Amino acid sequence: EHGREFQEALEFSRQLAADQGLHAVPSFHPWLVRGVATYGLEMLRSVADLDVVLVPIGLGSGFCGIAAARAALGLKTKIVGVVSAHAPAYALSFKAGRLMTQSSATLVAEGVACMTPNEDALRHVLEQAHDVVTVTDDEAMAAMRELVQATHNIAEGAGALAFAALKKNREQWQGQRVACVLSGGNASMALLARVLG
């Protein structure tokens, strides 16, 4: 591990690869999106008539995978991206209709601590998202806590964002069939102690 957030680790890994002549595996790549799309296909096929899918956006492969699956199945399901309010680059970019950078200050959802959206992913978000919403670190931690208590599943902060957004905006989705992508269970013991403490 290197750095406090995704963007710092990404830049470090790129520099390390360049310095040592290594091959850097990109965090966003069309092949990765195809792989991620498989869970989107599985979800969209197994739950009929979903109105909305809430999906965390880190660098964008999860969102793009869900969008590809929706297109492959010819569905009209709305896709709502979810980011940390403390790392809102994708939300700001969606609202502006163009790439916007923003510093990151999330201490809970490191997996979505993106300061500069990937241009290819952002193009898909701009074209295919119904909305991009934000949740705070406190809301993410409350969602993590509820997921552990109710389902016995551990979600990292970034992985719990979709459920946090559903809880935060529950009135908006009242009466609709909504799915939340629970992605990532890489929560540190220190964070879990804070969440469950």
N, C-alpha and C. Protein backbone atom coordinates (compact mmCIF):
# COMPACT_ATOMS: atom_id res chain seq x y z
N GLU A 1 0.84 -1.18 0.00
CA GLU A 1 0.00 0.00 0.00
C GLU A 1 0.88 1.24 0.00
N HIS A 2 0.38 2.27 -0.64
CA HIS A 2 1.09 3.54 -0.66
C HIS A 2 0.07 4.66 -0.67
N GLY A 3 0.29 5.65 0.17
CA GLY A 3 -0.55 6.83 0.16
C GLY A 3 -1.82 6.69 0.98
N ARG A 4 -2.48 7.81 1.15
CA ARG A 4 -3.71 7.85 1.94
C ARG A 4 -4.96 7.61 1.11
N GLU A 5 -4.84 7.73 -0.21
CA GLU A 5 -6.02 7.64 -1.05
C GLU A 5 -5.66 7.04 -2.41
N PHE A 6 -6.69 6.72 -3.16
CA PHE A 6 -6.53 6.06 -4.45
C PHE A 6 -5.65 6.85 -5.40
N GLN A 7 -5.92 8.14 -5.54
CA GLN A 7 -5.20 8.96 -6.52
C GLN A 7 -3.70 8.96 -6.24
N GLU A 8 -3.34 9.07 -4.97
CA GLU A 8 -1.93 9.07 -4.59
C GLU A 8 -1.29 7.73 -4.91
N ALA A 9 -1.99 6.64 -4.61
CA ALA A 9 -1.47 5.30 -4.91
C ALA A 9 -1.34 5.09 -6.42
N LEU A 10 -2.32 5.58 -7.18
CA LEU A 10 -2.29 5.45 -8.64
C LEU A 10 -1.08 6.16 -9.23
N GLU A 11 -0.86 7.39 -8.82
CA GLU A 11 0.27 8.15 -9.34
C GLU A 11 1.60 7.50 -8.95
N PHE A 12 1.68 7.00 -7.73
CA PHE A 12 2.89 6.31 -7.28
C PHE A 12 3.15 5.07 -8.11
N SER A 13 2.10 4.28 -8.36
CA SER A 13 2.28 3.03 -9.12
C SER A 13 2.70 3.32 -10.56
N ARG A 14 2.16 4.36 -11.14
CA ARG A 14 2.56 4.73 -12.51
C ARG A 14 4.04 5.12 -12.56
N GLN A 15 4.46 5.90 -11.57
CA GLN A 15 5.86 6.33 -11.52
C GLN A 15 6.78 5.15 -11.27
N LEU A 16 6.38 4.26 -10.37
CA LEU A 16 7.17 3.06 -10.07
C LEU A 16 7.34 2.20 -11.32
N ALA A 17 6.26 2.02 -12.06
CA ALA A 17 6.32 1.23 -13.30
C ALA A 17 7.26 1.88 -14.30
N ALA A 18 7.17 3.20 -14.44
CA ALA A 18 8.04 3.90 -15.38
C ALA A 18 9.50 3.81 -14.96
N ASP A 19 9.75 3.99 -13.68
CA ASP A 19 11.13 3.96 -13.17
C ASP A 19 11.78 2.59 -13.28
N GLN A 20 10.99 1.53 -13.09
CA GLN A 20 11.55 0.19 -13.05
C GLN A 20 11.23 -0.65 -14.29
N GLY A 21 10.64 -0.02 -15.30
CA GLY A 21 10.33 -0.75 -16.53
C GLY A 21 9.30 -1.84 -16.32
N LEU A 22 8.35 -1.60 -15.44
CA LEU A 22 7.31 -2.59 -15.14
C LEU A 22 6.05 -2.30 -15.94
N HIS A 23 5.19 -3.28 -16.05
CA HIS A 23 3.90 -3.08 -16.69
C HIS A 23 2.88 -2.72 -15.62
N ALA A 24 2.30 -1.56 -15.74
CA ALA A 24 1.27 -1.13 -14.78
C ALA A 24 -0.09 -1.62 -15.27
N VAL A 25 -0.79 -2.33 -14.44
CA VAL A 25 -2.14 -2.78 -14.78
C VAL A 25 -3.07 -1.61 -14.48
N PRO A 26 -3.76 -1.11 -15.50
CA PRO A 26 -4.59 0.08 -15.29
C PRO A 26 -5.82 -0.21 -14.44
N SER A 27 -6.22 0.80 -13.68
CA SER A 27 -7.42 0.67 -12.85
C SER A 27 -8.69 0.81 -13.68
N PHE A 28 -8.57 1.41 -14.84
CA PHE A 28 -9.71 1.49 -15.76
C PHE A 28 -9.21 1.06 -17.13
N HIS A 29 -9.86 0.05 -17.68
CA HIS A 29 -9.48 -0.48 -18.99
C HIS A 29 -10.71 -1.18 -19.56
N PRO A 30 -10.91 -1.14 -20.89
CA PRO A 30 -12.08 -1.81 -21.48
C PRO A 30 -12.20 -3.29 -21.10
N TRP A 31 -11.09 -3.98 -20.95
CA TRP A 31 -11.16 -5.40 -20.57
C TRP A 31 -11.67 -5.54 -19.14
N LEU A 32 -11.23 -4.64 -18.28
CA LEU A 32 -11.71 -4.66 -16.89
C LEU A 32 -13.21 -4.37 -16.86
N VAL A 33 -13.65 -3.42 -17.65
CA VAL A 33 -15.07 -3.09 -17.71
C VAL A 33 -15.87 -4.31 -18.16
N ARG A 34 -15.37 -5.04 -19.15
CA ARG A 34 -16.07 -6.26 -19.60
C ARG A 34 -16.18 -7.28 -18.48
N GLY A 35 -15.12 -7.43 -17.72
CA GLY A 35 -15.16 -8.36 -16.59
C GLY A 35 -16.15 -7.93 -15.54
N VAL A 36 -16.13 -6.64 -15.22
CA VAL A 36 -17.05 -6.11 -14.22
C VAL A 36 -18.50 -6.21 -14.72
N ALA A 37 -18.68 -6.10 -16.02
CA ALA A 37 -20.03 -6.18 -16.59
C ALA A 37 -20.69 -7.52 -16.30
N THR A 38 -19.90 -8.55 -16.02
CA THR A 38 -20.50 -9.86 -15.76
C THR A 38 -21.38 -9.84 -14.52
N TYR A 39 -20.96 -9.11 -13.47
CA TYR A 39 -21.85 -9.04 -12.31
C TYR A 39 -23.08 -8.20 -12.62
N GLY A 40 -22.92 -7.22 -13.50
CA GLY A 40 -24.08 -6.44 -13.93
C GLY A 40 -25.08 -7.30 -14.68
N LEU A 41 -24.59 -8.13 -15.59
CA LEU A 41 -25.47 -9.05 -16.31
C LEU A 41 -26.18 -10.00 -15.35
N GLU A 42 -25.42 -10.55 -14.43
CA GLU A 42 -25.99 -11.49 -13.46
C GLU A 42 -27.09 -10.82 -12.63
N MET A 43 -26.82 -9.62 -12.16
CA MET A 43 -27.80 -8.91 -11.34
C MET A 43 -29.04 -8.54 -12.16
N LEU A 44 -28.83 -7.96 -13.33
CA LEU A 44 -29.96 -7.49 -14.13
C LEU A 44 -30.80 -8.64 -14.67
N ARG A 45 -30.19 -9.80 -14.87
CA ARG A 45 -30.96 -10.98 -15.31
C ARG A 45 -31.71 -11.62 -14.15
N SER A 46 -31.16 -11.56 -12.96
CA SER A 46 -31.76 -12.28 -11.84
C SER A 46 -32.87 -11.50 -11.13
N VAL A 47 -32.89 -10.20 -11.29
CA VAL A 47 -33.93 -9.38 -10.66
C VAL A 47 -34.69 -8.66 -11.76
N ALA A 48 -35.89 -9.12 -12.00
CA ALA A 48 -36.68 -8.58 -13.11
C ALA A 48 -37.14 -7.15 -12.82
N ASP A 49 -37.17 -6.36 -13.85
CA ASP A 49 -37.76 -5.03 -13.80
C ASP A 49 -37.16 -4.10 -12.76
N LEU A 50 -35.84 -4.09 -12.64
CA LEU A 50 -35.21 -3.11 -11.75
C LEU A 50 -35.43 -1.72 -12.31
N ASP A 51 -35.83 -0.81 -11.45
CA ASP A 51 -36.00 0.58 -11.87
C ASP A 51 -34.68 1.34 -11.81
N VAL A 52 -33.89 1.04 -10.78
CA VAL A 52 -32.68 1.81 -10.51
C VAL A 52 -31.58 0.89 -10.00
N VAL A 53 -30.34 1.15 -10.42
CA VAL A 53 -29.16 0.53 -9.82
C VAL A 53 -28.28 1.66 -9.30
N LEU A 54 -27.94 1.59 -8.03
CA LEU A 54 -27.00 2.53 -7.42
C LEU A 54 -25.63 1.85 -7.39
N VAL A 55 -24.61 2.52 -7.92
CA VAL A 55 -23.28 1.91 -8.02
C VAL A 55 -22.20 2.93 -7.64
N PRO A 56 -21.27 2.54 -6.76
CA PRO A 56 -20.18 3.45 -6.42
C PRO A 56 -19.31 3.74 -7.64
N ILE A 57 -18.78 4.94 -7.70
CA ILE A 57 -17.83 5.30 -8.76
C ILE A 57 -16.49 5.64 -8.11
N GLY A 58 -15.49 4.83 -8.42
CA GLY A 58 -14.12 5.13 -8.03
C GLY A 58 -13.43 5.73 -9.24
N LEU A 59 -12.94 4.87 -10.12
CA LEU A 59 -12.41 5.35 -11.39
C LEU A 59 -13.41 5.11 -12.51
N GLY A 60 -14.44 4.30 -12.28
CA GLY A 60 -15.52 4.19 -13.24
C GLY A 60 -15.80 2.83 -13.83
N SER A 61 -14.98 1.82 -13.55
CA SER A 61 -15.20 0.52 -14.18
C SER A 61 -16.51 -0.12 -13.74
N GLY A 62 -16.88 0.04 -12.49
CA GLY A 62 -18.15 -0.52 -12.01
C GLY A 62 -19.34 0.11 -12.70
N PHE A 63 -19.34 1.44 -12.77
CA PHE A 63 -20.43 2.13 -13.45
C PHE A 63 -20.49 1.71 -14.91
N CYS A 64 -19.35 1.72 -15.59
CA CYS A 64 -19.32 1.38 -17.02
C CYS A 64 -19.72 -0.07 -17.25
N GLY A 65 -19.36 -0.96 -16.34
CA GLY A 65 -19.76 -2.36 -16.46
C GLY A 65 -21.27 -2.53 -16.35
N ILE A 66 -21.88 -1.84 -15.40
CA ILE A 66 -23.34 -1.89 -15.26
C ILE A 66 -24.00 -1.31 -16.50
N ALA A 67 -23.47 -0.20 -17.00
CA ALA A 67 -24.04 0.43 -18.20
C ALA A 67 -23.93 -0.50 -19.41
N ALA A 68 -22.81 -1.20 -19.54
CA ALA A 68 -22.64 -2.15 -20.65
C ALA A 68 -23.62 -3.30 -20.54
N ALA A 69 -23.82 -3.80 -19.33
CA ALA A 69 -24.78 -4.89 -19.12
C ALA A 69 -26.19 -4.44 -19.44
N ARG A 70 -26.54 -3.25 -18.99
CA ARG A 70 -27.88 -2.71 -19.27
C ARG A 70 -28.09 -2.60 -20.78
N ALA A 71 -27.09 -2.09 -21.49
CA ALA A 71 -27.20 -1.95 -22.95
C ALA A 71 -27.32 -3.31 -23.62
N ALA A 72 -26.52 -4.28 -23.17
CA ALA A 72 -26.55 -5.62 -23.77
C ALA A 72 -27.92 -6.27 -23.62
N LEU A 73 -28.59 -5.97 -22.52
CA LEU A 73 -29.91 -6.56 -22.27
C LEU A 73 -31.06 -5.69 -22.78
N GLY A 74 -30.74 -4.51 -23.30
CA GLY A 74 -31.77 -3.62 -23.83
C GLY A 74 -32.72 -3.10 -22.77
N LEU A 75 -32.22 -2.84 -21.58
CA LEU A 75 -33.07 -2.39 -20.47
C LEU A 75 -33.08 -0.87 -20.35
N LYS A 76 -34.05 -0.37 -19.62
CA LYS A 76 -34.19 1.07 -19.38
C LYS A 76 -33.85 1.43 -17.93
N THR A 77 -33.30 0.49 -17.19
CA THR A 77 -32.96 0.71 -15.79
C THR A 77 -32.10 1.96 -15.63
N LYS A 78 -32.46 2.82 -14.68
CA LYS A 78 -31.66 4.01 -14.41
C LYS A 78 -30.41 3.60 -13.64
N ILE A 79 -29.30 4.22 -13.97
CA ILE A 79 -28.06 3.98 -13.24
C ILE A 79 -27.67 5.28 -12.54
N VAL A 80 -27.51 5.18 -11.23
CA VAL A 80 -27.12 6.33 -10.43
C VAL A 80 -25.74 6.05 -9.83
N GLY A 81 -24.78 6.89 -10.17
CA GLY A 81 -23.45 6.76 -9.59
C GLY A 81 -23.42 7.38 -8.21
N VAL A 82 -22.60 6.81 -7.35
CA VAL A 82 -22.47 7.33 -5.98
C VAL A 82 -21.00 7.57 -5.68
N VAL A 83 -20.69 8.76 -5.20
CA VAL A 83 -19.33 9.10 -4.81
C VAL A 83 -19.34 9.67 -3.40
N SER A 84 -18.16 9.77 -2.83
CA SER A 84 -18.03 10.40 -1.52
C SER A 84 -18.18 11.91 -1.66
N ALA A 85 -18.88 12.51 -0.72
CA ALA A 85 -18.99 13.97 -0.70
C ALA A 85 -17.63 14.61 -0.47
N HIS A 86 -16.68 13.81 0.01
CA HIS A 86 -15.33 14.29 0.29
C HIS A 86 -14.37 13.99 -0.86
N ALA A 87 -14.88 13.42 -1.93
CA ALA A 87 -14.11 13.13 -3.16
C ALA A 87 -15.08 13.24 -4.33
N PRO A 88 -15.60 14.46 -4.58
CA PRO A 88 -16.74 14.61 -5.49
C PRO A 88 -16.42 14.87 -6.95
N ALA A 89 -15.24 14.52 -7.42
CA ALA A 89 -14.85 14.89 -8.79
C ALA A 89 -15.84 14.40 -9.84
N TYR A 90 -16.32 13.17 -9.73
CA TYR A 90 -17.28 12.67 -10.72
C TYR A 90 -18.63 13.37 -10.59
N ALA A 91 -19.06 13.66 -9.38
CA ALA A 91 -20.34 14.36 -9.20
C ALA A 91 -20.25 15.77 -9.77
N LEU A 92 -19.16 16.46 -9.50
CA LEU A 92 -18.98 17.81 -10.04
C LEU A 92 -18.89 17.77 -11.56
N SER A 93 -18.20 16.78 -12.09
CA SER A 93 -18.07 16.64 -13.55
C SER A 93 -19.42 16.35 -14.19
N PHE A 94 -20.22 15.50 -13.55
CA PHE A 94 -21.55 15.18 -14.08
C PHE A 94 -22.42 16.43 -14.12
N LYS A 95 -22.41 17.19 -13.03
CA LYS A 95 -23.23 18.41 -12.97
C LYS A 95 -22.77 19.44 -14.00
N ALA A 96 -21.44 19.54 -14.20
CA ALA A 96 -20.89 20.52 -15.14
C ALA A 96 -20.94 20.06 -16.58
N GLY A 97 -21.05 18.74 -16.79
CA GLY A 97 -21.05 18.21 -18.14
C GLY A 97 -19.67 18.14 -18.76
N ARG A 98 -18.65 18.24 -17.93
CA ARG A 98 -17.26 18.19 -18.41
C ARG A 98 -16.35 17.78 -17.25
N LEU A 99 -15.13 17.40 -17.59
CA LEU A 99 -14.19 16.95 -16.57
C LEU A 99 -13.85 18.07 -15.60
N MET A 100 -13.99 17.75 -14.32
CA MET A 100 -13.64 18.66 -13.24
C MET A 100 -12.75 17.89 -12.27
N THR A 101 -11.73 18.53 -11.77
CA THR A 101 -10.89 17.89 -10.76
C THR A 101 -11.23 18.48 -9.40
N GLN A 102 -10.98 17.69 -8.38
CA GLN A 102 -11.28 18.13 -7.02
C GLN A 102 -10.41 17.34 -6.06
N SER A 103 -9.86 18.00 -5.08
CA SER A 103 -9.06 17.26 -4.10
C SER A 103 -9.95 16.34 -3.29
N SER A 104 -9.33 15.35 -2.70
CA SER A 104 -10.06 14.34 -1.94
C SER A 104 -9.70 14.45 -0.47
N ALA A 105 -10.72 14.31 0.38
CA ALA A 105 -10.48 14.36 1.82
C ALA A 105 -11.19 13.23 2.54
N THR A 106 -11.64 12.21 1.82
CA THR A 106 -12.34 11.12 2.49
C THR A 106 -11.37 10.26 3.28
N LEU A 107 -11.74 9.94 4.49
CA LEU A 107 -10.94 9.06 5.33
C LEU A 107 -11.58 7.69 5.46
N VAL A 108 -12.75 7.53 4.87
CA VAL A 108 -13.52 6.29 5.00
C VAL A 108 -13.60 5.54 3.68
N ALA A 109 -13.82 6.26 2.59
CA ALA A 109 -14.06 5.63 1.29
C ALA A 109 -12.87 5.81 0.36
N GLU A 110 -11.72 5.26 0.77
CA GLU A 110 -10.49 5.45 -0.01
C GLU A 110 -10.61 4.90 -1.42
N GLY A 111 -11.42 3.88 -1.61
CA GLY A 111 -11.58 3.25 -2.91
C GLY A 111 -12.23 4.13 -3.96
N VAL A 112 -12.83 5.23 -3.54
CA VAL A 112 -13.42 6.17 -4.50
C VAL A 112 -12.78 7.55 -4.38
N ALA A 113 -11.62 7.61 -3.76
CA ALA A 113 -10.95 8.89 -3.54
C ALA A 113 -10.22 9.33 -4.80
N CYS A 114 -10.99 9.59 -5.83
CA CYS A 114 -10.48 9.96 -7.14
C CYS A 114 -10.53 11.49 -7.27
N MET A 115 -9.39 12.08 -7.60
CA MET A 115 -9.35 13.53 -7.77
C MET A 115 -9.58 13.95 -9.22
N THR A 116 -9.21 13.08 -10.16
CA THR A 116 -9.36 13.37 -11.58
C THR A 116 -10.07 12.21 -12.26
N PRO A 117 -11.30 12.41 -12.73
CA PRO A 117 -12.01 11.32 -13.40
C PRO A 117 -11.27 10.82 -14.63
N ASN A 118 -11.41 9.54 -14.91
CA ASN A 118 -10.89 8.96 -16.14
C ASN A 118 -11.75 9.48 -17.29
N GLU A 119 -11.12 9.99 -18.33
CA GLU A 119 -11.88 10.61 -19.43
C GLU A 119 -12.82 9.63 -20.12
N ASP A 120 -12.37 8.41 -20.36
CA ASP A 120 -13.24 7.42 -21.02
C ASP A 120 -14.43 7.07 -20.13
N ALA A 121 -14.16 6.84 -18.85
CA ALA A 121 -15.24 6.51 -17.93
C ALA A 121 -16.21 7.68 -17.80
N LEU A 122 -15.67 8.88 -17.71
CA LEU A 122 -16.53 10.05 -17.56
C LEU A 122 -17.45 10.22 -18.76
N ARG A 123 -16.95 9.92 -19.94
CA ARG A 123 -17.80 10.01 -21.13
C ARG A 123 -19.03 9.11 -20.97
N HIS A 124 -18.82 7.89 -20.47
CA HIS A 124 -19.95 6.97 -20.25
C HIS A 124 -20.87 7.48 -19.15
N VAL A 125 -20.29 8.02 -18.09
CA VAL A 125 -21.11 8.56 -17.00
C VAL A 125 -21.97 9.71 -17.52
N LEU A 126 -21.37 10.62 -18.27
CA LEU A 126 -22.13 11.76 -18.80
C LEU A 126 -23.25 11.32 -19.74
N GLU A 127 -23.00 10.27 -20.51
CA GLU A 127 -23.99 9.80 -21.48
C GLU A 127 -25.05 8.90 -20.85
N GLN A 128 -24.71 8.17 -19.79
CA GLN A 128 -25.59 7.10 -19.36
C GLN A 128 -26.11 7.19 -17.92
N ALA A 129 -25.57 8.09 -17.12
CA ALA A 129 -26.04 8.18 -15.74
C ALA A 129 -27.35 8.94 -15.66
N HIS A 130 -28.23 8.46 -14.82
CA HIS A 130 -29.43 9.22 -14.47
C HIS A 130 -29.04 10.37 -13.55
N ASP A 131 -28.08 10.08 -12.67
CA ASP A 131 -27.59 11.08 -11.71
C ASP A 131 -26.30 10.56 -11.10
N VAL A 132 -25.56 11.45 -10.47
CA VAL A 132 -24.43 11.08 -9.63
C VAL A 132 -24.63 11.81 -8.31
N VAL A 133 -24.74 11.04 -7.24
CA VAL A 133 -25.05 11.61 -5.93
C VAL A 133 -23.87 11.41 -4.98
N THR A 134 -23.90 12.13 -3.88
CA THR A 134 -22.82 12.06 -2.90
C THR A 134 -23.35 11.61 -1.54
N VAL A 135 -22.48 10.96 -0.78
CA VAL A 135 -22.75 10.65 0.62
C VAL A 135 -21.51 10.99 1.43
N THR A 136 -21.72 11.34 2.68
CA THR A 136 -20.62 11.72 3.56
C THR A 136 -19.95 10.49 4.15
N ASP A 137 -18.79 10.70 4.75
CA ASP A 137 -18.11 9.61 5.44
C ASP A 137 -18.98 9.06 6.57
N ASP A 138 -19.66 9.94 7.30
CA ASP A 138 -20.53 9.47 8.39
C ASP A 138 -21.67 8.61 7.85
N GLU A 139 -22.24 9.01 6.71
CA GLU A 139 -23.31 8.20 6.10
C GLU A 139 -22.78 6.86 5.61
N ALA A 140 -21.56 6.85 5.07
CA ALA A 140 -20.95 5.59 4.63
C ALA A 140 -20.70 4.68 5.83
N MET A 141 -20.22 5.24 6.93
CA MET A 141 -19.96 4.42 8.12
C MET A 141 -21.26 3.88 8.70
N ALA A 142 -22.32 4.67 8.70
CA ALA A 142 -23.62 4.18 9.19
C ALA A 142 -24.12 3.04 8.31
N ALA A 143 -23.90 3.15 7.00
CA ALA A 143 -24.30 2.08 6.08
C ALA A 143 -23.48 0.82 6.32
N MET A 144 -22.17 0.99 6.53
CA MET A 144 -21.31 -0.17 6.85
C MET A 144 -21.82 -0.88 8.10
N ARG A 145 -22.14 -0.09 9.12
CA ARG A 145 -22.62 -0.65 10.39
C ARG A 145 -23.92 -1.43 10.18
N GLU A 146 -24.85 -0.84 9.46
CA GLU A 146 -26.14 -1.50 9.24
C GLU A 146 -25.97 -2.78 8.41
N LEU A 147 -25.09 -2.75 7.43
CA LEU A 147 -24.85 -3.95 6.62
C LEU A 147 -24.30 -5.09 7.47
N VAL A 148 -23.38 -4.78 8.37
CA VAL A 148 -22.84 -5.82 9.26
C VAL A 148 -23.93 -6.34 10.18
N GLN A 149 -24.69 -5.44 10.78
CA GLN A 149 -25.72 -5.85 11.74
C GLN A 149 -26.85 -6.63 11.08
N ALA A 150 -27.28 -6.20 9.90
CA ALA A 150 -28.45 -6.81 9.27
C ALA A 150 -28.13 -8.00 8.38
N THR A 151 -26.95 -7.97 7.75
CA THR A 151 -26.65 -9.03 6.77
C THR A 151 -25.38 -9.81 7.08
N HIS A 152 -24.61 -9.34 8.05
CA HIS A 152 -23.33 -9.96 8.41
C HIS A 152 -22.33 -9.91 7.26
N ASN A 153 -22.47 -8.90 6.40
CA ASN A 153 -21.52 -8.65 5.31
C ASN A 153 -20.69 -7.42 5.65
N ILE A 154 -19.39 -7.54 5.44
CA ILE A 154 -18.49 -6.40 5.67
C ILE A 154 -18.27 -5.70 4.34
N ALA A 155 -18.54 -4.42 4.34
CA ALA A 155 -18.27 -3.59 3.16
C ALA A 155 -17.26 -2.53 3.57
N GLU A 156 -16.30 -2.28 2.70
CA GLU A 156 -15.41 -1.15 2.93
C GLU A 156 -16.22 0.13 2.74
N GLY A 157 -15.64 1.26 3.10
CA GLY A 157 -16.37 2.52 2.97
C GLY A 157 -16.86 2.78 1.56
N ALA A 158 -16.00 2.58 0.57
CA ALA A 158 -16.40 2.79 -0.82
C ALA A 158 -17.48 1.80 -1.23
N GLY A 159 -17.37 0.58 -0.76
CA GLY A 159 -18.33 -0.46 -1.11
C GLY A 159 -19.71 -0.23 -0.55
N ALA A 160 -19.79 0.52 0.54
CA ALA A 160 -21.08 0.78 1.19
C ALA A 160 -21.77 2.04 0.67
N LEU A 161 -21.14 2.76 -0.25
CA LEU A 161 -21.70 4.03 -0.70
C LEU A 161 -23.08 3.90 -1.32
N ALA A 162 -23.30 2.88 -2.13
CA ALA A 162 -24.60 2.74 -2.79
C ALA A 162 -25.71 2.55 -1.76
N PHE A 163 -25.46 1.70 -0.76
CA PHE A 163 -26.46 1.49 0.29
C PHE A 163 -26.66 2.77 1.09
N ALA A 164 -25.59 3.51 1.35
CA ALA A 164 -25.70 4.78 2.06
C ALA A 164 -26.56 5.76 1.26
N ALA A 165 -26.39 5.78 -0.06
CA ALA A 165 -27.19 6.67 -0.91
C ALA A 165 -28.65 6.27 -0.91
N LEU A 166 -28.91 4.96 -0.90
CA LEU A 166 -30.30 4.50 -0.84
C LEU A 166 -30.95 4.95 0.46
N LYS A 167 -30.24 4.79 1.57
CA LYS A 167 -30.77 5.21 2.86
C LYS A 167 -31.01 6.72 2.89
N LYS A 168 -30.06 7.48 2.37
CA LYS A 168 -30.14 8.94 2.39
C LYS A 168 -31.31 9.45 1.55
N ASN A 169 -31.55 8.81 0.42
CA ASN A 169 -32.57 9.28 -0.53
C ASN A 169 -33.75 8.33 -0.64
N ARG A 170 -34.07 7.64 0.45
CA ARG A 170 -35.09 6.59 0.38
C ARG A 170 -36.45 7.09 -0.12
N GLU A 171 -36.81 8.31 0.22
CA GLU A 171 -38.11 8.83 -0.25
C GLU A 171 -38.14 8.94 -1.78
N GLN A 172 -37.02 9.30 -2.36
CA GLN A 172 -36.93 9.44 -3.82
C GLN A 172 -37.20 8.12 -4.53
N TRP A 173 -36.81 7.01 -3.90
CA TRP A 173 -36.93 5.71 -4.55
C TRP A 173 -38.12 4.91 -4.03
N GLN A 174 -38.96 5.52 -3.21
CA GLN A 174 -40.13 4.84 -2.64
C GLN A 174 -40.96 4.20 -3.75
N GLY A 175 -41.31 2.94 -3.57
CA GLY A 175 -42.17 2.23 -4.52
C GLY A 175 -41.45 1.72 -5.76
N GLN A 176 -40.14 1.90 -5.83
CA GLN A 176 -39.38 1.43 -6.99
C GLN A 176 -38.51 0.25 -6.60
N ARG A 177 -38.15 -0.55 -7.58
CA ARG A 177 -37.23 -1.68 -7.36
C ARG A 177 -35.81 -1.16 -7.56
N VAL A 178 -35.06 -1.13 -6.46
CA VAL A 178 -33.73 -0.53 -6.47
C VAL A 178 -32.70 -1.57 -6.04
N ALA A 179 -31.60 -1.63 -6.77
CA ALA A 179 -30.48 -2.50 -6.39
C ALA A 179 -29.28 -1.63 -6.02
N CYS A 180 -28.55 -2.08 -5.02
CA CYS A 180 -27.32 -1.41 -4.60
C CYS A 180 -26.15 -2.34 -4.86
N VAL A 181 -25.14 -1.85 -5.53
CA VAL A 181 -23.93 -2.64 -5.73
C VAL A 181 -23.08 -2.50 -4.47
N LEU A 182 -22.85 -3.62 -3.81
CA LEU A 182 -21.99 -3.67 -2.63
C LEU A 182 -20.63 -4.15 -3.10
N SER A 183 -19.71 -3.22 -3.28
CA SER A 183 -18.42 -3.58 -3.90
C SER A 183 -17.29 -3.36 -2.92
N GLY A 184 -16.56 -4.40 -2.64
CA GLY A 184 -15.36 -4.28 -1.84
C GLY A 184 -15.58 -4.49 -0.36
N GLY A 185 -14.78 -5.37 0.21
CA GLY A 185 -14.83 -5.63 1.64
C GLY A 185 -13.47 -5.42 2.27
N ASN A 186 -12.70 -4.48 1.74
CA ASN A 186 -11.32 -4.28 2.20
C ASN A 186 -11.23 -3.23 3.30
N ALA A 187 -12.09 -3.32 4.28
CA ALA A 187 -12.06 -2.37 5.39
C ALA A 187 -10.94 -2.75 6.36
N SER A 188 -10.19 -1.75 6.78
CA SER A 188 -9.13 -2.01 7.75
C SER A 188 -9.74 -2.31 9.12
N MET A 189 -8.96 -2.97 9.95
CA MET A 189 -9.43 -3.27 11.30
C MET A 189 -9.69 -1.98 12.08
N ALA A 190 -8.87 -0.97 11.85
CA ALA A 190 -9.06 0.31 12.54
C ALA A 190 -10.39 0.95 12.15
N LEU A 191 -10.72 0.91 10.85
CA LEU A 191 -11.99 1.48 10.41
C LEU A 191 -13.15 0.66 10.94
N LEU A 192 -13.05 -0.66 10.89
CA LEU A 192 -14.13 -1.49 11.42
C LEU A 192 -14.34 -1.24 12.91
N ALA A 193 -13.27 -1.03 13.64
CA ALA A 193 -13.40 -0.73 15.07
C ALA A 193 -14.16 0.58 15.27
N ARG A 194 -13.88 1.59 14.45
CA ARG A 194 -14.62 2.86 14.53
C ARG A 194 -16.08 2.67 14.17
N VAL A 195 -16.32 1.91 13.11
CA VAL A 195 -17.69 1.71 12.63
C VAL A 195 -18.52 0.93 13.63
N LEU A 196 -17.95 -0.14 14.17
CA LEU A 196 -18.71 -1.03 15.04
C LEU A 196 -18.59 -0.67 16.51
N GLY A 197 -17.62 0.20 16.83
CA GLY A 197 -17.33 0.57 18.21
C GLY A 197 -18.50 0.96 18.96
